[in-house]
PDB file of N, CA and C in Angstrom:
ATOM      1  N   MET A   1       0.853  -1.193   0.000  1.00  0.00           N
ATOM      2  CA  MET A   1       0.000   0.000   0.000  1.00  0.00           C
ATOM      3  C   MET A   1       0.885   1.239   0.000  1.00  0.00           C
ATOM      4  N   GLN A   2       0.600   2.144  -0.910  1.00  0.00           N
ATOM      5  CA  GLN A   2       1.336   3.397  -1.019  1.00  0.00           C
ATOM      6  C   GLN A   2       1.004   4.297   0.179  1.00  0.00           C
ATOM      7  N   PRO A   3       1.961   5.106   0.639  1.00  0.00           N
ATOM      8  CA  PRO A   3       1.623   6.076   1.690  1.00  0.00           C
ATOM      9  C   PRO A   3       0.692   7.143   1.123  1.00  0.00           C
ATOM     10  N   VAL A   4      -0.275   7.541   1.935  1.00  0.00           N
ATOM     11  CA  VAL A   4      -1.248   8.550   1.525  1.00  0.00           C
ATOM     12  C   VAL A   4      -1.127   9.731   2.480  1.00  0.00           C
ATOM     13  N   GLU A   5      -1.003  10.932   1.905  1.00  0.00           N
ATOM     14  CA  GLU A   5      -0.893  12.149   2.697  1.00  0.00           C
ATOM     15  C   GLU A   5      -1.925  13.153   2.213  1.00  0.00           C
ATOM     16  N   LEU A   6      -2.591  13.776   3.175  1.00  0.00           N
ATOM     17  CA  LEU A   6      -3.589  14.790   2.873  1.00  0.00           C
ATOM     18  C   LEU A   6      -3.234  16.067   3.612  1.00  0.00           C
ATOM     19  N   TYR A   7      -3.377  17.183   2.934  1.00  0.00           N
ATOM     20  CA  TYR A   7      -3.265  18.494   3.553  1.00  0.00           C
ATOM     21  C   TYR A   7      -4.690  19.024   3.636  1.00  0.00           C
ATOM     22  N   THR A   8      -5.150  19.301   4.855  1.00  0.00           N
ATOM     23  CA  THR A   8      -6.558  19.619   5.064  1.00  0.00           C
ATOM     24  C   THR A   8      -6.716  20.736   6.100  1.00  0.00           C
ATOM     25  N   THR A   9      -7.979  21.144   6.282  1.00  0.00           N
ATOM     26  CA  THR A   9      -8.378  21.946   7.437  1.00  0.00           C
ATOM     27  C   THR A   9      -9.585  21.247   8.057  1.00  0.00           C
ATOM     28  N   PRO A  10      -9.814  21.464   9.349  1.00  0.00           N
ATOM     29  CA  PRO A  10     -10.931  20.774  10.004  1.00  0.00           C
ATOM     30  C   PRO A  10     -12.308  21.277   9.590  1.00  0.00           C
ATOM     31  N   ILE A  11     -12.382  22.427   8.927  1.00  0.00           N
ATOM     32  CA  ILE A  11     -13.687  23.007   8.579  1.00  0.00           C
ATOM     33  C   ILE A  11     -14.037  22.851   7.098  1.00  0.00           C
ATOM     34  N   CYS A  12     -13.206  22.143   6.348  1.00  0.00           N
ATOM     35  CA  CYS A  12     -13.390  22.014   4.908  1.00  0.00           C
ATOM     36  C   CYS A  12     -14.265  20.800   4.574  1.00  0.00           C
ATOM     37  N   PRO A  13     -15.440  21.012   3.960  1.00  0.00           N
ATOM     38  CA  PRO A  13     -16.306  19.876   3.632  1.00  0.00           C
ATOM     39  C   PRO A  13     -15.684  18.926   2.601  1.00  0.00           C
ATOM     40  N   TYR A  14     -14.860  19.452   1.701  1.00  0.00           N
ATOM     41  CA  TYR A  14     -14.214  18.595   0.703  1.00  0.00           C
ATOM     42  C   TYR A  14     -13.151  17.709   1.362  1.00  0.00           C
ATOM     43  N   CYS A  15     -12.495  18.255   2.375  1.00  0.00           N
ATOM     44  CA  CYS A  15     -11.521  17.470   3.143  1.00  0.00           C
ATOM     45  C   CYS A  15     -12.229  16.316   3.844  1.00  0.00           C
ATOM     46  N   ILE A  16     -13.352  16.624   4.438  1.00  0.00           N
ATOM     47  CA  ILE A  16     -14.130  15.604   5.152  1.00  0.00           C
ATOM     48  C   ILE A  16     -14.590  14.524   4.175  1.00  0.00           C
ATOM     49  N   ALA A  17     -15.037  14.909   2.985  1.00  0.00           N
ATOM     50  CA  ALA A  17     -15.491  13.938   1.980  1.00  0.00           C
ATOM     51  C   ALA A  17     -14.339  13.047   1.520  1.00  0.00           C
ATOM     52  N   ALA A  18     -13.168  13.628   1.325  1.00  0.00           N
ATOM     53  CA  ALA A  18     -12.012  12.836   0.897  1.00  0.00           C
ATOM     54  C   ALA A  18     -11.623  11.830   1.982  1.00  0.00           C
ATOM     55  N   LYS A  19     -11.588  12.290   3.231  1.00  0.00           N
ATOM     56  CA  LYS A  19     -11.237  11.392   4.337  1.00  0.00           C
ATOM     57  C   LYS A  19     -12.291  10.302   4.513  1.00  0.00           C
ATOM     58  N   ARG A  20     -13.539  10.653   4.293  1.00  0.00           N
ATOM     59  CA  ARG A  20     -14.619   9.664   4.411  1.00  0.00           C
ATOM     60  C   ARG A  20     -14.437   8.542   3.381  1.00  0.00           C
ATOM     61  N   LEU A  21     -14.086   8.903   2.149  1.00  0.00           N
ATOM     62  CA  LEU A  21     -13.857   7.893   1.111  1.00  0.00           C
ATOM     63  C   LEU A  21     -12.684   6.996   1.493  1.00  0.00           C
ATOM     64  N   LEU A  22     -11.581   7.602   1.924  1.00  0.00           N
ATOM     65  CA  LEU A  22     -10.414   6.806   2.302  1.00  0.00           C
ATOM     66  C   LEU A  22     -10.720   5.916   3.509  1.00  0.00           C
ATOM     67  N   ASP A  23     -11.458   6.451   4.481  1.00  0.00           N
ATOM     68  CA  ASP A  23     -11.845   5.647   5.652  1.00  0.00           C
ATOM     69  C   ASP A  23     -12.711   4.460   5.229  1.00  0.00           C
ATOM     70  N   LYS A  24     -13.651   4.703   4.322  1.00  0.00           N
ATOM     71  CA  LYS A  24     -14.544   3.645   3.839  1.00  0.00           C
ATOM     72  C   LYS A  24     -13.754   2.515   3.177  1.00  0.00           C
ATOM     73  N   LYS A  25     -12.650   2.888   2.518  1.00  0.00           N
ATOM     74  CA  LYS A  25     -11.808   1.899   1.845  1.00  0.00           C
ATOM     75  C   LYS A  25     -10.778   1.273   2.790  1.00  0.00           C
ATOM     76  N   GLY A  26     -10.742   1.736   4.045  1.00  0.00           N
ATOM     77  CA  GLY A  26      -9.796   1.193   5.012  1.00  0.00           C
ATOM     78  C   GLY A  26      -8.370   1.667   4.803  1.00  0.00           C
ATOM     79  N   VAL A  27      -8.208   2.826   4.180  1.00  0.00           N
ATOM     80  CA  VAL A  27      -6.882   3.368   3.877  1.00  0.00           C
ATOM     81  C   VAL A  27      -6.358   4.155   5.082  1.00  0.00           C
ATOM     82  N   THR A  28      -5.131   3.861   5.469  1.00  0.00           N
ATOM     83  CA  THR A  28      -4.452   4.637   6.503  1.00  0.00           C
ATOM     84  C   THR A  28      -3.764   5.816   5.826  1.00  0.00           C
ATOM     85  N   TYR A  29      -3.889   6.999   6.408  1.00  0.00           N
ATOM     86  CA  TYR A  29      -3.304   8.189   5.806  1.00  0.00           C
ATOM     87  C   TYR A  29      -2.761   9.121   6.880  1.00  0.00           C
ATOM     88  N   THR A  30      -1.875  10.003   6.451  1.00  0.00           N
ATOM     89  CA  THR A  30      -1.355  11.056   7.307  1.00  0.00           C
ATOM     90  C   THR A  30      -2.070  12.343   6.936  1.00  0.00           C
ATOM     91  N   ASP A  31      -2.626  13.003   7.945  1.00  0.00           N
ATOM     92  CA  ASP A  31      -3.419  14.215   7.735  1.00  0.00           C
ATOM     93  C   ASP A  31      -2.663  15.406   8.321  1.00  0.00           C
ATOM     94  N   PHE A  32      -2.285  16.340   7.454  1.00  0.00           N
ATOM     95  CA  PHE A  32      -1.612  17.560   7.893  1.00  0.00           C
ATOM     96  C   PHE A  32      -2.619  18.699   7.935  1.00  0.00           C
ATOM     97  N   ASP A  33      -2.844  19.266   9.109  1.00  0.00           N
ATOM     98  CA  ASP A  33      -3.789  20.372   9.286  1.00  0.00           C
ATOM     99  C   ASP A  33      -3.063  21.683   8.998  1.00  0.00           C
ATOM    100  N   VAL A  34      -3.327  22.262   7.830  1.00  0.00           N
ATOM    101  CA  VAL A  34      -2.635  23.487   7.424  1.00  0.00           C
ATOM    102  C   VAL A  34      -3.178  24.716   8.143  1.00  0.00           C
ATOM    103  N   MET A  35      -4.315  24.578   8.814  1.00  0.00           N
ATOM    104  CA  MET A  35      -4.860  25.702   9.577  1.00  0.00           C
ATOM    105  C   MET A  35      -4.077  25.886  10.878  1.00  0.00           C
ATOM    106  N   SER A  36      -3.746  24.787  11.532  1.00  0.00           N
ATOM    107  CA  SER A  36      -3.033  24.884  12.809  1.00  0.00           C
ATOM    108  C   SER A  36      -1.523  24.950  12.635  1.00  0.00           C
ATOM    109  N   ASP A  37      -1.021  24.592  11.451  1.00  0.00           N
ATOM    110  CA  ASP A  37       0.420  24.614  11.206  1.00  0.00           C
ATOM    111  C   ASP A  37       0.702  25.286   9.865  1.00  0.00           C
ATOM    112  N   PRO A  38       0.899  26.613   9.881  1.00  0.00           N
ATOM    113  CA  PRO A  38       1.114  27.355   8.631  1.00  0.00           C
ATOM    114  C   PRO A  38       2.309  26.855   7.814  1.00  0.00           C
ATOM    115  N   SER A  39       3.308  26.290   8.455  1.00  0.00           N
ATOM    116  CA  SER A  39       4.454  25.770   7.688  1.00  0.00           C
ATOM    117  C   SER A  39       4.023  24.625   6.785  1.00  0.00           C
ATOM    118  N   LYS A  40       3.000  23.889   7.200  1.00  0.00           N
ATOM    119  CA  LYS A  40       2.483  22.790   6.374  1.00  0.00           C
ATOM    120  C   LYS A  40       1.778  23.335   5.130  1.00  0.00           C
ATOM    121  N   ARG A  41       1.159  24.515   5.233  1.00  0.00           N
ATOM    122  CA  ARG A  41       0.528  25.122   4.050  1.00  0.00           C
ATOM    123  C   ARG A  41       1.601  25.448   3.007  1.00  0.00           C
ATOM    124  N   GLN A  42       2.728  25.991   3.449  1.00  0.00           N
ATOM    125  CA  GLN A  42       3.820  26.292   2.525  1.00  0.00           C
ATOM    126  C   GLN A  42       4.354  25.001   1.894  1.00  0.00           C
ATOM    127  N   GLU A  43       4.505  23.966   2.713  1.00  0.00           N
ATOM    128  CA  GLU A  43       4.953  22.661   2.204  1.00  0.00           C
ATOM    129  C   GLU A  43       3.971  22.134   1.161  1.00  0.00           C
ATOM    130  N   MET A  44       2.672  22.230   1.463  1.00  0.00           N
ATOM    131  CA  MET A  44       1.633  21.764   0.545  1.00  0.00           C
ATOM    132  C   MET A  44       1.720  22.505  -0.784  1.00  0.00           C
ATOM    133  N   MET A  45       1.835  23.823  -0.726  1.00  0.00           N
ATOM    134  CA  MET A  45       1.866  24.618  -1.949  1.00  0.00           C
ATOM    135  C   MET A  45       3.097  24.280  -2.792  1.00  0.00           C
ATOM    136  N   SER A  46       4.193  24.009  -2.140  1.00  0.00           N
ATOM    137  CA  SER A  46       5.400  23.624  -2.859  1.00  0.00           C
ATOM    138  C   SER A  46       5.207  22.273  -3.547  1.00  0.00           C
ATOM    139  N   ARG A  47       4.674  21.314  -2.816  1.00  0.00           N
ATOM    140  CA  ARG A  47       4.470  19.976  -3.370  1.00  0.00           C
ATOM    141  C   ARG A  47       3.384  19.946  -4.431  1.00  0.00           C
ATOM    142  N   ALA A  48       2.372  20.823  -4.279  1.00  0.00           N
ATOM    143  CA  ALA A  48       1.208  20.826  -5.178  1.00  0.00           C
ATOM    144  C   ALA A  48       1.348  21.863  -6.288  1.00  0.00           C
ATOM    145  N   HIS A  49       2.578  22.273  -6.576  1.00  0.00           N
ATOM    146  CA  HIS A  49       2.856  23.191  -7.689  1.00  0.00           C
ATOM    147  C   HIS A  49       2.052  24.486  -7.586  1.00  0.00           C
ATOM    148  N   GLY A  50       1.995  25.041  -6.363  1.00  0.00           N
ATOM    149  CA  GLY A  50       1.343  26.330  -6.151  1.00  0.00           C
ATOM    150  C   GLY A  50      -0.129  26.276  -5.794  1.00  0.00           C
ATOM    151  N   ARG A  51      -0.726  25.100  -5.882  1.00  0.00           N
ATOM    152  CA  ARG A  51      -2.150  25.024  -5.512  1.00  0.00           C
ATOM    153  C   ARG A  51      -2.287  25.306  -4.024  1.00  0.00           C
ATOM    154  N   HIS A  52      -3.255  26.130  -3.664  1.00  0.00           N
ATOM    155  CA  HIS A  52      -3.389  26.557  -2.277  1.00  0.00           C
ATOM    156  C   HIS A  52      -4.698  26.127  -1.625  1.00  0.00           C
ATOM    157  N   THR A  53      -5.563  25.474  -2.376  1.00  0.00           N
ATOM    158  CA  THR A  53      -6.837  25.026  -1.809  1.00  0.00           C
ATOM    159  C   THR A  53      -6.657  23.660  -1.158  1.00  0.00           C
ATOM    160  N   VAL A  54      -7.516  23.380  -0.201  1.00  0.00           N
ATOM    161  CA  VAL A  54      -7.512  22.073   0.455  1.00  0.00           C
ATOM    162  C   VAL A  54      -8.767  21.324   0.072  1.00  0.00           C
ATOM    163  N   PRO A  55      -8.696  20.003   0.072  1.00  0.00           N
ATOM    164  CA  PRO A  55      -7.510  19.208   0.366  1.00  0.00           C
ATOM    165  C   PRO A  55      -6.574  19.120  -0.831  1.00  0.00           C
ATOM    166  N   GLN A  56      -5.326  18.818  -0.535  1.00  0.00           N
ATOM    167  CA  GLN A  56      -4.367  18.387  -1.551  1.00  0.00           C
ATOM    168  C   GLN A  56      -3.956  16.987  -1.124  1.00  0.00           C
ATOM    169  N   ILE A  57      -4.061  16.046  -2.044  1.00  0.00           N
ATOM    170  CA  ILE A  57      -3.901  14.631  -1.730  1.00  0.00           C
ATOM    171  C   ILE A  57      -2.746  14.053  -2.526  1.00  0.00           C
ATOM    172  N   PHE A  58      -1.912  13.306  -1.823  1.00  0.00           N
ATOM    173  CA  PHE A  58      -0.758  12.642  -2.434  1.00  0.00           C
ATOM    174  C   PHE A  58      -0.844  11.155  -2.116  1.00  0.00           C
ATOM    175  N   ILE A  59      -0.679  10.331  -3.133  1.00  0.00           N
ATOM    176  CA  ILE A  59      -0.604   8.878  -2.959  1.00  0.00           C
ATOM    177  C   ILE A  59       0.762   8.470  -3.491  1.00  0.00           C
ATOM    178  N   GLY A  60       1.625   8.028  -2.576  1.00  0.00           N
ATOM    179  CA  GLY A  60       3.010   7.800  -2.948  1.00  0.00           C
ATOM    180  C   GLY A  60       3.592   9.122  -3.414  1.00  0.00           C
ATOM    181  N   GLU A  61       4.216   9.125  -4.566  1.00  0.00           N
ATOM    182  CA  GLU A  61       4.791  10.351  -5.130  1.00  0.00           C
ATOM    183  C   GLU A  61       3.821  11.057  -6.078  1.00  0.00           C
ATOM    184  N   VAL A  62       2.612  10.531  -6.227  1.00  0.00           N
ATOM    185  CA  VAL A  62       1.632  11.084  -7.169  1.00  0.00           C
ATOM    186  C   VAL A  62       0.777  12.148  -6.488  1.00  0.00           C
ATOM    187  N   HIS A  63       0.735  13.333  -7.081  1.00  0.00           N
ATOM    188  CA  HIS A  63      -0.162  14.383  -6.609  1.00  0.00           C
ATOM    189  C   HIS A  63      -1.520  14.148  -7.267  1.00  0.00           C
ATOM    190  N   VAL A  64      -2.463  13.666  -6.483  1.00  0.00           N
ATOM    191  CA  VAL A  64      -3.798  13.362  -6.996  1.00  0.00           C
ATOM    192  C   VAL A  64      -4.562  14.648  -7.273  1.00  0.00           C
ATOM    193  N   GLY A  65      -4.419  15.620  -6.401  1.00  0.00           N
ATOM    194  CA  GLY A  65      -5.184  16.858  -6.493  1.00  0.00           C
ATOM    195  C   GLY A  65      -6.110  16.949  -5.292  1.00  0.00           C
ATOM    196  N   GLY A  66      -7.353  17.335  -5.541  1.00  0.00           N
ATOM    197  CA  GLY A  66      -8.311  17.518  -4.461  1.00  0.00           C
ATOM    198  C   GLY A  66      -9.311  16.385  -4.354  1.00  0.00           C
ATOM    199  N   SER A  67     -10.362  16.657  -3.609  1.00  0.00           N
ATOM    200  CA  SER A  67     -11.405  15.662  -3.365  1.00  0.00           C
ATOM    201  C   SER A  67     -12.098  15.235  -4.658  1.00  0.00           C
ATOM    202  N   ASP A  68     -12.360  16.186  -5.549  1.00  0.00           N
ATOM    203  CA  ASP A  68     -13.026  15.847  -6.811  1.00  0.00           C
ATOM    204  C   ASP A  68     -12.198  14.843  -7.612  1.00  0.00           C
ATOM    205  N   GLU A  69     -10.890  15.074  -7.663  1.00  0.00           N
ATOM    206  CA  GLU A  69     -10.017  14.168  -8.413  1.00  0.00           C
ATOM    207  C   GLU A  69      -9.940  12.792  -7.748  1.00  0.00           C
ATOM    208  N   LEU A  70      -9.914  12.780  -6.414  1.00  0.00           N
ATOM    209  CA  LEU A  70      -9.893  11.506  -5.687  1.00  0.00           C
ATOM    210  C   LEU A  70     -11.154  10.705  -5.985  1.00  0.00           C
ATOM    211  N   HIS A  71     -12.305  11.359  -5.918  1.00  0.00           N
ATOM    212  CA  HIS A  71     -13.572  10.669  -6.195  1.00  0.00           C
ATOM    213  C   HIS A  71     -13.672  10.244  -7.660  1.00  0.00           C
ATOM    214  N   ALA A  72     -13.111  11.036  -8.565  1.00  0.00           N
ATOM    215  CA  ALA A  72     -13.117  10.668  -9.988  1.00  0.00           C
ATOM    216  C   ALA A  72     -12.292   9.395 -10.210  1.00  0.00           C
ATOM    217  N   LEU A  73     -11.150   9.286  -9.527  1.00  0.00           N
ATOM    218  CA  LEU A  73     -10.348   8.060  -9.625  1.00  0.00           C
ATOM    219  C   LEU A  73     -11.147   6.853  -9.130  1.00  0.00           C
ATOM    220  N   GLU A  74     -11.875   7.031  -8.041  1.00  0.00           N
ATOM    221  CA  GLU A  74     -12.689   5.942  -7.495  1.00  0.00           C
ATOM    222  C   GLU A  74     -13.785   5.541  -8.483  1.00  0.00           C
ATOM    223  N   ARG A  75     -14.475   6.524  -9.059  1.00  0.00           N
ATOM    224  CA  ARG A  75     -15.546   6.225 -10.021  1.00  0.00           C
ATOM    225  C   ARG A  75     -15.004   5.521 -11.263  1.00  0.00           C
ATOM    226  N   ALA A  76     -13.795   5.884 -11.664  1.00  0.00           N
ATOM    227  CA  ALA A  76     -13.180   5.279 -12.853  1.00  0.00           C
ATOM    228  C   ALA A  76     -12.549   3.913 -12.555  1.00  0.00           C
ATOM    229  N   GLY A  77     -12.574   3.502 -11.295  1.00  0.00           N
ATOM    230  CA  GLY A  77     -11.996   2.212 -10.929  1.00  0.00           C
ATOM    231  C   GLY A  77     -10.475   2.218 -10.896  1.00  0.00           C
ATOM    232  N   LYS A  78      -9.862   3.399 -10.770  1.00  0.00           N
ATOM    233  CA  LYS A  78      -8.405   3.514 -10.809  1.00  0.00           C
ATOM    234  C   LYS A  78      -7.765   3.773  -9.453  1.00  0.00           C
ATOM    235  N   LEU A  79      -8.567   4.067  -8.442  1.00  0.00           N
ATOM    236  CA  LEU A  79      -8.007   4.431  -7.135  1.00  0.00           C
ATOM    237  C   LEU A  79      -7.308   3.256  -6.468  1.00  0.00           C
ATOM    238  N   ASP A  80      -7.914   2.087  -6.511  1.00  0.00           N
ATOM    239  CA  ASP A  80      -7.303   0.920  -5.840  1.00  0.00           C
ATOM    240  C   ASP A  80      -5.923   0.595  -6.414  1.00  0.00           C
ATOM    241  N   ALA A  81      -5.781   0.661  -7.740  1.00  0.00           N
ATOM    242  CA  ALA A  81      -4.496   0.373  -8.371  1.00  0.00           C
ATOM    243  C   ALA A  81      -3.446   1.399  -7.948  1.00  0.00           C
ATOM    244  N   LEU A  82      -3.844   2.651  -7.848  1.00  0.00           N
ATOM    245  CA  LEU A  82      -2.911   3.696  -7.421  1.00  0.00           C
ATOM    246  C   LEU A  82      -2.495   3.478  -5.968  1.00  0.00           C
ATOM    247  N   LEU A  83      -3.457   3.114  -5.131  1.00  0.00           N
ATOM    248  CA  LEU A  83      -3.158   2.856  -3.723  1.00  0.00           C
ATOM    249  C   LEU A  83      -2.214   1.659  -3.561  1.00  0.00           C
ATOM    250  N   ASP A  84      -2.404   0.651  -4.391  1.00  0.00           N
ATOM    251  CA  ASP A  84      -1.579  -0.565  -4.290  1.00  0.00           C
ATOM    252  C   ASP A  84      -0.182  -0.368  -4.876  1.00  0.00           C
ATOM    253  N   GLY A  85      -0.027   0.688  -5.681  1.00  0.00           N
ATOM    254  CA  GLY A  85       1.277   1.009  -6.238  1.00  0.00           C
ATOM    255  C   GLY A  85       1.647   0.087  -7.345  1.00  0.00           C
TER     256      GLY A  85
END
């Protein structure tokens, strides 16, 4: 299983939706709260090529994007393969 990292805030509905999908699939992930740790927001923007909205999701070395992209991968049947590496 590839490592999964999310940059989120606790008040973001898209963050909650992304985490809900990963939880439903039994995926363990690391959640970085960019609201409580501003240095993580800078890290996120660097890794996400300047994108500043949350969530930003990484599976292994792949920048998935946000919640919409994560759900699109699931609908297309491609998320499990990406998670398995």
